[in-house]
Amino acid sequence: MTTLDFNLVSIIKNAGGDPSDVTEAVWNAGYQRMNFTTEQIIEMTTSQIAECLYYDVPQNVWPKTVEDLSYGNLNAIIDDAMWLGTPAEIAAAILRHGYVKGGDK
């Protein structure tokens, strides 16, 4: 069971309804993750580059570092969780995926 972080819930509420705005606010507040396995990094790279190709994103903005991949992964988590509706449910999804205040750099 994930313990709810009311600071994170507040950040999500204040960020508004756009997933990219929520991602930026959560990331800038220090909720990050860097401790991915090699397999997870390969999976994130494959998925995110495929999306870049599909959406015709210029190569100069493709993810190049684990930090870039982590940010993109957080954005995907938030985008999916926003369908759940409440900031508390979005916060729970973020925490369940290992994103914590201060990250694990």
Protein backbone atom coordinates (compact mmCIF):
# COMPACT_ATOMS: atom_id res chain seq x y z
CA MET A 1 0.00 0.00 0.00
CA THR A 2 1.25 3.47 -0.91
CA THR A 3 1.14 6.19 1.73
CA LEU A 4 -0.48 9.30 0.32
CA ASP A 5 1.72 12.40 0.09
CA PHE A 6 -0.53 15.41 0.63
CA ASN A 7 2.17 17.80 -0.60
CA LEU A 8 2.19 15.95 -3.93
CA VAL A 9 -1.62 16.05 -4.07
CA SER A 10 -1.48 19.82 -3.55
CA ILE A 11 1.12 20.24 -6.31
CA ILE A 12 -1.08 18.28 -8.71
CA LYS A 13 -4.19 20.31 -7.80
CA ASN A 14 -2.37 23.59 -8.33
CA ALA A 15 -0.81 22.55 -11.65
CA GLY A 16 -4.12 22.44 -13.50
CA GLY A 17 -5.57 19.94 -15.90
CA ASP A 18 -2.88 19.59 -18.55
CA PRO A 19 -0.69 16.48 -18.10
CA SER A 20 2.47 18.26 -19.26
CA ASP A 21 1.90 21.09 -16.77
CA VAL A 22 1.35 18.55 -13.98
CA THR A 23 4.50 16.65 -15.00
CA GLU A 24 6.58 19.81 -14.98
CA ALA A 25 5.24 20.87 -11.57
CA VAL A 26 5.79 17.42 -10.03
CA TRP A 27 9.30 17.09 -11.51
CA ASN A 28 10.31 20.61 -10.46
CA ALA A 29 9.04 19.90 -6.94
CA GLY A 30 11.65 17.13 -6.76
CA TYR A 31 9.56 14.01 -7.31
CA GLN A 32 11.98 12.09 -9.49
CA ARG A 33 13.38 8.62 -10.05
CA MET A 34 16.68 7.47 -11.51
CA ASN A 35 17.14 3.93 -10.16
CA PHE A 36 15.91 2.01 -13.18
CA THR A 37 17.14 -1.42 -14.17
CA THR A 38 18.91 -1.85 -17.50
CA GLU A 39 15.79 -3.59 -18.81
CA GLN A 40 13.58 -0.68 -17.77
CA ILE A 41 15.90 1.80 -19.45
CA ILE A 42 15.82 -0.24 -22.67
CA GLU A 43 12.03 -0.46 -22.50
CA MET A 44 11.62 3.28 -21.88
CA THR A 45 14.08 4.12 -24.66
CA THR A 46 12.31 1.88 -27.15
CA SER A 47 8.88 3.18 -26.23
CA GLN A 48 9.79 6.86 -26.19
CA ILE A 49 11.81 6.76 -29.42
CA ALA A 50 8.94 4.90 -31.13
CA GLU A 51 6.58 7.66 -30.02
CA CYS A 52 9.02 10.29 -31.28
CA LEU A 53 9.09 8.58 -34.66
CA TYR A 54 5.30 8.16 -34.75
CA TYR A 55 4.66 11.81 -33.92
CA ASP A 56 7.51 13.03 -36.17
CA VAL A 57 9.37 14.68 -33.29
CA PRO A 58 12.69 16.22 -34.40
CA GLN A 59 15.72 14.16 -33.31
CA ASN A 60 17.26 17.04 -31.42
CA VAL A 61 14.52 16.76 -28.76
CA TRP A 62 14.54 12.97 -28.37
CA PRO A 63 15.48 11.67 -24.90
CA LYS A 64 19.24 11.33 -24.55
CA THR A 65 19.81 10.64 -20.85
CA VAL A 66 18.26 8.54 -18.10
CA GLU A 67 16.94 11.81 -16.68
CA ASP A 68 15.19 12.56 -19.99
CA LEU A 69 13.74 9.04 -20.03
CA SER A 70 12.60 9.35 -16.42
CA TYR A 71 10.85 12.65 -17.15
CA GLY A 72 9.11 11.10 -20.17
CA ASN A 73 8.10 8.09 -18.10
CA LEU A 74 6.68 10.37 -15.39
CA ASN A 75 4.72 12.22 -18.06
CA ALA A 76 3.25 8.94 -19.34
CA ILE A 77 2.29 7.89 -15.79
CA ILE A 78 0.58 11.23 -15.16
CA ASP A 79 -1.13 11.23 -18.56
CA ASP A 80 -2.57 7.76 -17.89
CA ALA A 81 -3.49 8.57 -14.28
CA MET A 82 -5.33 11.76 -15.19
CA TRP A 83 -8.08 9.52 -16.58
CA LEU A 84 -8.68 8.44 -12.96
CA GLY A 85 -9.70 11.97 -12.20
CA THR A 86 -8.64 12.93 -8.70
CA PRO A 87 -5.32 14.47 -7.68
CA ALA A 88 -5.05 11.87 -4.90
CA GLU A 89 -5.29 9.02 -7.41
CA ILE A 90 -2.72 10.68 -9.67
CA ALA A 91 -0.38 11.13 -6.69
CA ALA A 92 -0.84 7.48 -5.71
CA ALA A 93 0.09 6.37 -9.25
CA ILE A 94 3.22 8.53 -9.22
CA LEU A 95 4.33 7.13 -5.85
CA ARG A 96 3.50 3.54 -6.87
CA HIS A 97 5.92 3.89 -9.78
CA GLY A 98 8.77 4.87 -7.47
CA TYR A 99 8.85 8.64 -7.96
CA VAL A 100 9.62 10.18 -4.56
CA LYS A 101 10.48 13.61 -3.19
CA GLY A 102 14.20 14.15 -3.62
CA GLY A 103 14.42 11.35 -6.17
CA ASP A 104 17.07 8.72 -5.78
CA LYS A 105 19.89 10.32 -7.69
